Amino acid sequence: MGDGRALQEWKRGWPVVAAAMAGFSFFSVLISATGLFIEPLERAFGWDRATLSMGPAIATAVTALLSPFYGALIDRFGSRRLGLPGVVVTMAGTCMFAFASGSKLQWVVMWIAFGLILTSIKSTIWTTAVAGTFDKGRGLALGLAVTGPAIAQTLVPPLGNFLIESFGWRAAYVWFGLGWGGVTLLVCWLFLRDAHDRRPKADGAARAVLPGLHKREALRSRALLQVAVSSFVVMAMTIGLGIHLFPILTEAGVARSEAAWLLSLGGIAGIVGKLVTGALLDRFRPNWTGSLTMGVTAVTFVVLIRFLDSMPALIAALVINGYAAGSKTQITAFLTAGYAGMRNFGMIYGVMSALVALASGLGPWIAGKVYDTSGGYEPFLWAGAVGCVLGGALLLALPPMPKWDQAEAESSPERRQ
C-alpha cells in the first residue's frame, strides 16, 4: 500500500522535483563559484581574503533576517507565485557583480542587494513545494531536489575556471546569471507547482487540513531546537570549508585546473550522497541517517590538517565531503517536516533556513579571518572537525518522530506529550 502511494506521488510530483533541482542549483551557483573569483579579484583590487569572503556572509545574513517572513508568504501564496519572479531578479543580481569597480563600499552594497534578491529563491521555496507534494516518498524526493547544489558544485568549478581564464571574471558573472538563470527560469515556468496550485480555489478551509505544530509549539520543540543547533554548527564549518577549499588546495601546490576537477569530484559524490541519503531517510530512523552524514564530514577536516600531501587521502576526503555536502540541507528539511508537520512548514523552515543562511555566511568569513590572523587554515579546520562530531551527536539524540495524522489536523502530538 505504501509503495502504491509513493508511486502515485511520483507520477504526480516528478515535475516539481525537476523544478526544485533547477532552483536549488541556481541558488548555489554564485556560492559554488566564490572560491574561483578570490584570486582574480585579489589581483584586480588588492583586497584581503576577509574582504573577499564577506560578500556571501552579508548576503546570507540578509536572507537569514528575511527567511521567516518569506516563509510565511510561501504558506500564503505558494512557491510558484514567488519563485518565478525570484529567478528573474536573481539573474539580474548575478550579472550585477560584473560591474564591481574596486570600491569596498560598492562591494558591500551589491552583496546587501543580492541578499535581498537571493531570499526569493532560497531553499524554502523549493523545499516547501516538494515536501507538500510528497509524503511516502518525501526523503527520496527531497534527495533528488537537493542534487541541484551538487550539480552546481560539479559543473561550476571547471566551467567557471574556463570562463574566467577565457573571457575574464566580469564575463563569467554574466554567463552564470543569464545562462544558468535562463535555463532555471524555463524549467520552473514549465514545472513548478505546489499544494496551493492543486487546492480548489473556493475551499476556504483547505489550509486547516494540514497537520502539524502551531507556531508557539514549534518554538518550544526540543527536537526542532536540536535540529537547528546541529544544522547551524555543521553548516558554518562546512560552508566555510567549501568557500576556501579551492585556495586551500592551490596553496598546497595543487594546480588550479586539477583543484577545479577535484572539487567537481566532490560534486559527483554529492549527487550519489543525496540519492542514497533520501532512500535511507525513507527506510530507517531519520536521525540515525542524519547523525552519520553530519558526523562523517569531520574526516575531511582531519585529512586537510594531516594528510594534505597525500593525493589518495585527499581524493577520499573530498568524496566523503561531497557525499555529505548537500545532504545537510536535505536532512534539515526532512527532519523539520517530520517534527513540525506541514501546518506552518513554510514559516518554521524559514526560521530553520535563516539559521542555516546565517551559518553559511559566518563560516566563510570566519575561515577568511582565521587565515588573515594566523596565516593558515589549521585552527579553522580543527574547529570544523569538532563541530561536525557535535552536530552528528545532537541528531543521534533526537526522540522518535511524531506520526502526523491528516484526520487530526487540529491536534498536535507534542501538545499531548
Protein backbone atom coordinates (compact mmCIF):
# COMPACT_ATOMS: atom_id res chain seq x y z
CA MET A 1 0.00 0.00 0.00
CA GLY A 2 2.78 2.39 0.92
CA ASP A 3 4.64 1.59 -2.31
CA GLY A 4 1.47 2.28 -4.32
CA ARG A 5 1.01 5.66 -2.68
CA ALA A 6 4.65 6.52 -3.30
CA LEU A 7 4.29 5.58 -6.97
CA GLN A 8 1.23 7.81 -7.33
CA GLU A 9 3.11 10.65 -5.67
CA TRP A 10 5.95 10.28 -8.16
CA LYS A 11 3.62 10.18 -11.15
CA ARG A 12 2.10 13.44 -10.00
CA GLY A 13 5.10 15.13 -8.49
CA TRP A 14 8.22 14.45 -10.61
CA PRO A 15 7.92 17.81 -12.47
CA VAL A 16 8.00 19.63 -9.12
CA VAL A 17 11.21 17.79 -8.22
CA ALA A 18 12.75 18.79 -11.57
CA ALA A 19 11.88 22.45 -10.98
CA ALA A 20 13.25 22.30 -7.43
CA MET A 21 16.52 20.78 -8.70
CA ALA A 22 16.94 23.68 -11.15
CA GLY A 23 16.06 26.26 -8.50
CA PHE A 24 18.41 24.79 -5.92
CA SER A 25 21.24 24.73 -8.49
CA PHE A 26 20.80 28.39 -9.47
CA PHE A 27 20.66 29.42 -5.82
CA SER A 28 24.02 27.68 -5.31
CA VAL A 29 25.86 28.89 -8.44
CA LEU A 30 27.44 32.03 -7.03
CA ILE A 31 28.34 30.35 -3.74
CA SER A 32 29.97 27.46 -5.60
CA ALA A 33 31.92 29.92 -7.75
CA THR A 34 33.09 32.25 -4.95
CA GLY A 35 36.39 30.46 -4.42
CA LEU A 36 37.19 30.75 -8.14
CA PHE A 37 36.82 34.52 -8.02
CA ILE A 38 39.05 35.04 -4.96
CA GLU A 39 42.39 35.17 -6.79
CA PRO A 40 41.20 37.22 -9.83
CA LEU A 41 39.55 39.81 -7.58
CA GLU A 42 42.56 39.79 -5.28
CA ARG A 43 44.79 40.61 -8.26
CA ALA A 44 42.36 43.20 -9.65
CA PHE A 45 41.62 45.13 -6.47
CA GLY A 46 44.26 44.08 -3.90
CA TRP A 47 41.66 43.05 -1.33
CA ASP A 48 42.42 40.66 1.53
CA ARG A 49 40.71 37.30 1.95
CA ALA A 50 38.39 38.53 4.73
CA THR A 51 37.03 41.26 2.44
CA LEU A 52 36.58 38.82 -0.43
CA SER A 53 34.79 36.38 1.89
CA MET A 54 32.49 38.95 3.48
CA GLY A 55 30.20 39.07 0.42
CA PRO A 56 28.47 35.70 0.94
CA ALA A 57 28.39 36.45 4.68
CA ILE A 58 26.50 39.70 4.06
CA ALA A 59 24.07 38.12 1.60
CA THR A 60 23.31 35.14 3.81
CA ALA A 61 22.85 37.42 6.85
CA VAL A 62 20.24 39.39 4.89
CA THR A 63 18.46 36.21 3.78
CA ALA A 64 18.60 34.94 7.36
CA LEU A 65 16.73 38.02 8.58
CA LEU A 66 14.09 37.78 5.85
CA SER A 67 13.59 33.99 5.67
CA PRO A 68 10.90 33.59 8.38
CA PHE A 69 8.78 36.36 6.85
CA TYR A 70 9.28 34.99 3.35
CA GLY A 71 8.36 31.52 4.60
CA ALA A 72 5.06 32.92 5.88
CA LEU A 73 4.42 34.40 2.42
CA ILE A 74 5.05 30.97 0.87
CA ASP A 75 2.49 29.43 3.25
CA ARG A 76 0.01 32.03 1.99
CA PHE A 77 0.75 32.36 -1.75
CA GLY A 78 2.69 29.23 -2.73
CA SER A 79 6.05 28.56 -4.33
CA ARG A 80 5.20 29.32 -7.96
CA ARG A 81 3.87 32.85 -7.47
CA LEU A 82 7.00 33.84 -5.59
CA GLY A 83 9.62 31.60 -7.23
CA LEU A 84 9.25 32.68 -10.87
CA PRO A 85 9.80 36.42 -10.24
CA GLY A 86 12.57 35.44 -7.85
CA VAL A 87 14.52 33.63 -10.57
CA VAL A 88 14.25 36.66 -12.86
CA VAL A 89 15.59 39.16 -10.32
CA THR A 90 18.34 36.73 -9.27
CA MET A 91 19.52 36.57 -12.88
CA ALA A 92 19.91 40.34 -12.84
CA GLY A 93 21.54 40.27 -9.41
CA THR A 94 24.18 37.76 -10.53
CA CYS A 95 25.07 39.87 -13.58
CA MET A 96 25.39 42.91 -11.31
CA PHE A 97 28.76 41.73 -9.95
CA ALA A 98 30.34 42.23 -13.39
CA PHE A 99 30.23 45.96 -12.62
CA ALA A 100 32.43 45.80 -9.48
CA SER A 101 34.77 48.81 -9.54
CA GLY A 102 37.17 48.06 -6.69
CA SER A 103 35.24 50.13 -4.15
CA LYS A 104 34.72 48.19 -0.95
CA LEU A 105 31.58 50.21 -0.23
CA GLN A 106 30.15 49.27 -3.60
CA TRP A 107 31.06 45.62 -2.96
CA VAL A 108 29.17 45.65 0.36
CA VAL A 109 26.13 47.38 -1.14
CA MET A 110 25.99 44.91 -4.02
CA TRP A 111 26.05 41.94 -1.65
CA ILE A 112 23.34 43.51 0.53
CA ALA A 113 21.19 43.93 -2.57
CA PHE A 114 22.00 40.39 -3.69
CA GLY A 115 20.97 39.06 -0.27
CA LEU A 116 17.59 40.75 -0.62
CA ILE A 117 17.22 39.22 -4.07
CA LEU A 118 18.51 35.76 -3.15
CA THR A 119 15.85 35.37 -0.45
CA SER A 120 13.33 34.94 -3.26
CA ILE A 121 14.88 31.64 -4.45
CA LYS A 122 16.35 30.22 -1.28
CA SER A 123 15.72 26.67 -0.17
CA THR A 124 12.36 27.42 1.47
CA ILE A 125 10.69 27.91 -1.93
CA TRP A 126 11.82 24.58 -3.36
CA THR A 127 11.59 22.55 -0.16
CA THR A 128 8.02 23.67 0.56
CA ALA A 129 6.93 22.69 -2.95
CA VAL A 130 8.48 19.20 -2.69
CA ALA A 131 7.55 18.50 0.94
CA GLY A 132 3.94 19.46 0.24
CA THR A 133 3.76 17.21 -2.83
CA PHE A 134 5.29 14.06 -1.28
CA ASP A 135 4.64 12.07 1.88
CA LYS A 136 5.64 8.41 1.48
CA GLY A 137 8.46 9.28 -0.92
CA ARG A 138 9.47 12.56 0.71
CA GLY A 139 13.03 11.54 1.59
CA LEU A 140 13.98 10.49 -1.93
CA ALA A 141 12.09 13.45 -3.46
CA LEU A 142 14.00 15.90 -1.29
CA GLY A 143 17.17 13.97 -2.08
CA LEU A 144 16.66 14.48 -5.79
CA ALA A 145 15.67 18.12 -5.34
CA VAL A 146 18.79 18.97 -3.40
CA THR A 147 21.02 17.42 -6.04
CA GLY A 148 20.73 20.91 -7.51
CA PRO A 149 23.58 22.28 -5.38
CA ALA A 150 25.64 19.17 -6.15
CA ILE A 151 25.07 19.74 -9.86
CA ALA A 152 26.28 23.30 -9.38
CA GLN A 153 29.27 22.11 -7.35
CA THR A 154 30.13 19.62 -10.09
CA LEU A 155 29.81 21.92 -13.10
CA VAL A 156 30.66 25.37 -11.73
CA PRO A 157 34.37 24.87 -10.85
CA PRO A 158 35.58 23.70 -14.29
CA LEU A 159 33.04 25.88 -16.12
CA GLY A 160 33.82 28.94 -14.01
CA ASN A 161 37.57 28.44 -14.32
CA PHE A 162 37.17 28.14 -18.11
CA LEU A 163 35.04 31.29 -18.28
CA ILE A 164 37.41 33.32 -16.09
CA GLU A 165 40.53 32.24 -17.97
CA SER A 166 38.92 32.60 -21.41
CA PHE A 167 36.73 35.69 -21.04
CA GLY A 168 37.63 37.29 -17.70
CA TRP A 169 35.89 37.35 -14.35
CA ARG A 170 33.36 40.04 -15.34
CA ALA A 171 32.04 38.00 -18.26
CA ALA A 172 31.88 34.91 -16.04
CA TYR A 173 29.36 36.61 -13.76
CA VAL A 174 27.19 37.47 -16.78
CA TRP A 175 27.38 33.93 -18.20
CA PHE A 176 26.31 32.48 -14.87
CA GLY A 177 23.45 34.96 -14.48
CA LEU A 178 21.90 34.80 -17.95
CA GLY A 179 22.92 31.27 -18.95
CA TRP A 180 22.26 29.23 -15.84
CA GLY A 181 19.48 31.55 -14.74
CA GLY A 182 17.75 31.35 -18.12
CA VAL A 183 17.60 27.55 -18.06
CA THR A 184 16.28 27.65 -14.49
CA LEU A 185 13.54 30.10 -15.42
CA LEU A 186 12.34 27.90 -18.29
CA VAL A 187 12.22 24.73 -16.17
CA CYS A 188 10.40 26.46 -13.30
CA TRP A 189 7.89 28.12 -15.63
CA LEU A 190 7.03 24.71 -17.06
CA PHE A 191 7.03 22.55 -13.92
CA LEU A 192 6.94 24.48 -10.63
CA ARG A 193 3.69 23.78 -8.77
CA ASP A 194 2.82 23.10 -5.13
CA ALA A 195 -0.16 22.29 -2.89
CA HIS A 196 -1.52 25.82 -3.33
CA ASP A 197 -1.85 25.29 -7.08
CA ARG A 198 -3.60 21.92 -6.64
CA ARG A 199 -6.01 23.20 -3.98
CA PRO A 200 -9.57 24.18 -5.01
CA LYS A 201 -9.76 27.97 -5.08
CA ALA A 202 -13.08 28.11 -3.27
CA ASP A 203 -12.03 25.90 -0.40
CA GLY A 204 -11.54 28.47 2.31
CA ALA A 205 -10.84 25.81 4.94
CA ALA A 206 -8.21 23.96 2.88
CA ARG A 207 -5.34 25.13 4.97
CA ALA A 208 -6.90 23.69 8.17
CA VAL A 209 -6.47 20.08 6.98
CA LEU A 210 -2.68 20.35 7.06
CA PRO A 211 -1.41 18.67 10.23
CA GLY A 212 1.47 19.99 12.28
CA LEU A 213 2.64 22.26 15.04
CA HIS A 214 1.29 25.69 15.73
CA LYS A 215 3.89 28.47 15.79
CA ARG A 216 4.22 28.63 19.57
CA GLU A 217 4.51 24.84 19.81
CA ALA A 218 7.37 24.94 17.31
CA LEU A 219 9.24 27.44 19.48
CA ARG A 220 9.00 25.02 22.44
CA SER A 221 10.01 21.90 20.49
CA ARG A 222 13.21 20.35 21.85
CA ALA A 223 13.61 18.24 18.72
CA LEU A 224 13.46 21.25 16.42
CA LEU A 225 15.97 23.05 18.66
CA GLN A 226 18.42 20.14 18.35
CA VAL A 227 17.98 20.10 14.57
CA ALA A 228 18.57 23.86 14.45
CA VAL A 229 21.76 23.81 16.54
CA SER A 230 23.18 20.82 14.65
CA SER A 231 22.44 22.43 11.28
CA PHE A 232 23.91 25.79 12.34
CA VAL A 233 27.20 24.38 13.61
CA VAL A 234 27.79 21.92 10.77
CA MET A 235 26.77 24.40 8.07
CA ALA A 236 29.07 27.12 9.42
CA MET A 237 32.04 24.79 9.34
CA THR A 238 31.36 23.00 6.05
CA ILE A 239 30.29 26.05 4.03
CA GLY A 240 33.33 27.89 5.35
CA LEU A 241 35.43 24.98 4.16
CA GLY A 242 33.67 24.85 0.80
CA ILE A 243 34.32 28.52 0.00
CA HIS A 244 38.01 28.28 0.94
CA LEU A 245 38.69 24.75 -0.31
CA PHE A 246 39.95 25.93 -3.70
CA PRO A 247 42.65 28.24 -2.23
CA ILE A 248 43.48 25.57 0.40
CA LEU A 249 44.28 23.15 -2.40
CA THR A 250 46.14 25.59 -4.65
CA GLU A 251 48.28 26.91 -1.78
CA ALA A 252 49.21 23.30 -1.01
CA GLY A 253 50.66 23.04 -4.51
CA VAL A 254 47.71 21.64 -6.46
CA ALA A 255 47.35 23.23 -9.91
CA ARG A 256 44.23 25.36 -10.46
CA SER A 257 42.84 23.09 -13.16
CA GLU A 258 43.46 19.99 -11.05
CA ALA A 259 41.91 21.64 -7.99
CA ALA A 260 38.82 22.55 -10.05
CA TRP A 261 38.36 18.92 -11.10
CA LEU A 262 38.90 17.72 -7.53
CA LEU A 263 36.05 19.98 -6.43
CA SER A 264 33.92 18.53 -9.22
CA LEU A 265 34.66 15.04 -7.88
CA GLY A 266 33.07 16.13 -4.63
CA GLY A 267 30.04 17.34 -6.57
CA ILE A 268 29.59 13.95 -8.24
CA ALA A 269 29.84 12.24 -4.86
CA GLY A 270 27.26 14.73 -3.60
CA ILE A 271 24.72 13.61 -6.19
CA VAL A 272 25.17 9.99 -5.11
CA GLY A 273 25.00 11.02 -1.46
CA LYS A 274 21.71 12.85 -1.85
CA LEU A 275 20.02 9.90 -3.53
CA VAL A 276 21.36 7.35 -1.05
CA THR A 277 20.51 9.60 1.89
CA GLY A 278 16.98 10.14 0.56
CA ALA A 279 16.37 6.40 0.31
CA LEU A 280 17.78 5.83 3.80
CA LEU A 281 15.61 8.61 5.28
CA ASP A 282 12.51 6.87 3.91
CA ARG A 283 13.50 3.44 5.26
CA PHE A 284 15.31 3.92 8.58
CA ARG A 285 15.12 6.25 11.55
CA PRO A 286 15.96 9.63 10.00
CA ASN A 287 18.04 10.83 12.95
CA TRP A 288 20.43 7.87 12.54
CA THR A 289 20.96 8.69 8.88
CA GLY A 290 21.36 12.39 9.67
CA SER A 291 23.79 11.77 12.51
CA LEU A 292 26.09 9.61 10.39
CA THR A 293 26.02 12.04 7.47
CA MET A 294 26.75 15.08 9.63
CA GLY A 295 29.42 13.39 11.73
CA VAL A 296 31.43 11.73 8.97
CA THR A 297 32.32 15.13 7.49
CA ALA A 298 34.83 15.51 10.31
CA VAL A 299 37.08 13.11 8.36
CA THR A 300 37.56 15.71 5.62
CA PHE A 301 38.80 18.32 8.07
CA VAL A 302 41.28 15.90 9.64
CA VAL A 303 42.66 14.88 6.24
CA LEU A 304 43.18 18.53 5.26
CA ILE A 305 45.09 19.05 8.50
CA ARG A 306 47.29 15.94 8.48
CA PHE A 307 47.31 14.37 5.00
CA LEU A 308 47.12 17.26 2.54
CA ASP A 309 50.21 15.98 0.70
CA SER A 310 48.60 12.57 0.02
CA MET A 311 46.52 12.56 -3.17
CA PRO A 312 44.67 9.28 -2.35
CA ALA A 313 43.73 10.60 1.10
CA LEU A 314 42.74 13.93 -0.42
CA ILE A 315 40.51 12.27 -3.02
CA ALA A 316 38.86 10.12 -0.34
CA ALA A 317 38.28 13.18 1.86
CA LEU A 318 36.70 15.18 -0.96
CA VAL A 319 34.46 12.24 -1.88
CA ILE A 320 33.31 11.96 1.75
CA ASN A 321 32.78 15.72 1.96
CA GLY A 322 30.89 15.75 -1.32
CA TYR A 323 28.74 12.80 -0.28
CA ALA A 324 27.64 14.63 2.85
CA ALA A 325 27.63 18.18 1.45
CA GLY A 326 24.17 18.93 0.02
CA SER A 327 22.56 16.19 2.11
CA LYS A 328 22.73 18.50 5.10
CA THR A 329 20.03 20.74 3.62
CA GLN A 330 18.01 17.66 2.70
CA ILE A 331 18.31 16.24 6.23
CA THR A 332 17.36 19.55 7.84
CA ALA A 333 14.28 19.85 5.62
CA PHE A 334 13.22 16.23 6.19
CA LEU A 335 13.60 16.45 9.97
CA THR A 336 11.83 19.82 10.09
CA ALA A 337 8.88 18.46 8.11
CA GLY A 338 8.81 15.35 10.30
CA TYR A 339 8.95 17.08 13.67
CA ALA A 340 6.93 20.19 12.72
CA GLY A 341 4.38 18.84 10.19
CA MET A 342 3.08 20.92 7.28
CA ARG A 343 0.67 23.31 9.04
CA ASN A 344 3.24 26.12 9.28
CA PHE A 345 6.12 24.45 7.47
CA GLY A 346 6.99 27.47 5.33
CA MET A 347 7.48 29.75 8.31
CA ILE A 348 9.13 27.13 10.54
CA TYR A 349 11.51 26.00 7.84
CA GLY A 350 12.03 29.68 7.03
CA VAL A 351 13.38 30.14 10.56
CA MET A 352 15.48 26.98 10.19
CA SER A 353 16.88 28.09 6.85
CA ALA A 354 17.54 31.55 8.31
CA LEU A 355 19.86 29.94 10.84
CA VAL A 356 21.46 27.90 8.06
CA ALA A 357 21.88 31.06 5.97
CA LEU A 358 23.45 32.88 8.91
CA ALA A 359 25.83 29.97 9.47
CA SER A 360 26.63 29.80 5.76
CA GLY A 361 27.62 33.46 5.82
CA LEU A 362 29.57 33.35 9.06
CA GLY A 363 31.54 30.24 8.14
CA PRO A 364 33.41 31.68 5.11
CA TRP A 365 34.08 34.95 6.93
CA ILE A 366 35.43 33.10 9.99
CA ALA A 367 37.66 30.95 7.79
CA GLY A 368 38.98 34.03 5.99
CA LYS A 369 39.57 35.86 9.28
CA VAL A 370 41.42 32.86 10.71
CA TYR A 371 43.62 32.78 7.60
CA ASP A 372 44.37 36.52 7.77
CA THR A 373 45.13 36.34 11.50
CA SER A 374 47.10 33.11 11.74
CA GLY A 375 48.48 32.84 8.22
CA GLY A 376 46.81 29.47 7.66
CA TYR A 377 43.58 27.50 7.91
CA GLU A 378 44.56 24.89 10.51
CA PRO A 379 42.71 26.40 13.53
CA PHE A 380 39.54 26.61 11.47
CA LEU A 381 39.96 23.02 10.27
CA TRP A 382 40.27 21.73 13.83
CA ALA A 383 37.12 23.64 14.80
CA GLY A 384 35.36 22.07 11.81
CA ALA A 385 36.28 18.53 12.87
CA VAL A 386 34.92 19.09 16.38
CA GLY A 387 31.80 20.88 15.13
CA CYS A 388 30.80 18.06 12.77
CA VAL A 389 31.10 15.46 15.54
CA LEU A 390 28.94 17.65 17.81
CA GLY A 391 26.33 18.12 15.08
CA GLY A 392 26.08 14.40 14.49
CA ALA A 393 25.69 13.68 18.21
CA LEU A 394 22.77 16.14 18.51
CA LEU A 395 20.85 14.34 15.76
CA LEU A 396 21.59 10.92 17.23
CA ALA A 397 19.90 12.06 20.46
CA LEU A 398 16.63 13.09 18.77
CA PRO A 399 13.36 11.50 20.06
CA PRO A 400 11.15 9.35 17.79
CA MET A 401 9.42 11.33 15.03
CA PRO A 402 5.69 12.11 15.51
CA LYS A 403 3.13 10.30 13.33
CA TRP A 404 1.11 13.15 11.88
CA ASP A 405 -2.46 12.16 11.05
CA GLN A 406 -4.35 14.09 8.39
CA ALA A 407 -7.58 13.38 10.25
CA GLU A 408 -6.24 15.11 13.36
CA ALA A 409 -5.09 18.36 11.82
CA GLU A 410 -6.36 20.35 14.76
CA SER A 411 -4.34 18.38 17.31
CA SER A 412 -0.61 18.18 17.98
CA PRO A 413 1.39 15.17 19.19
CA GLU A 414 3.79 17.45 21.05
CA ARG A 415 0.85 19.16 22.77
CA ARG A 416 -0.26 15.77 24.15
CA GLN A 417 3.19 14.82 25.43
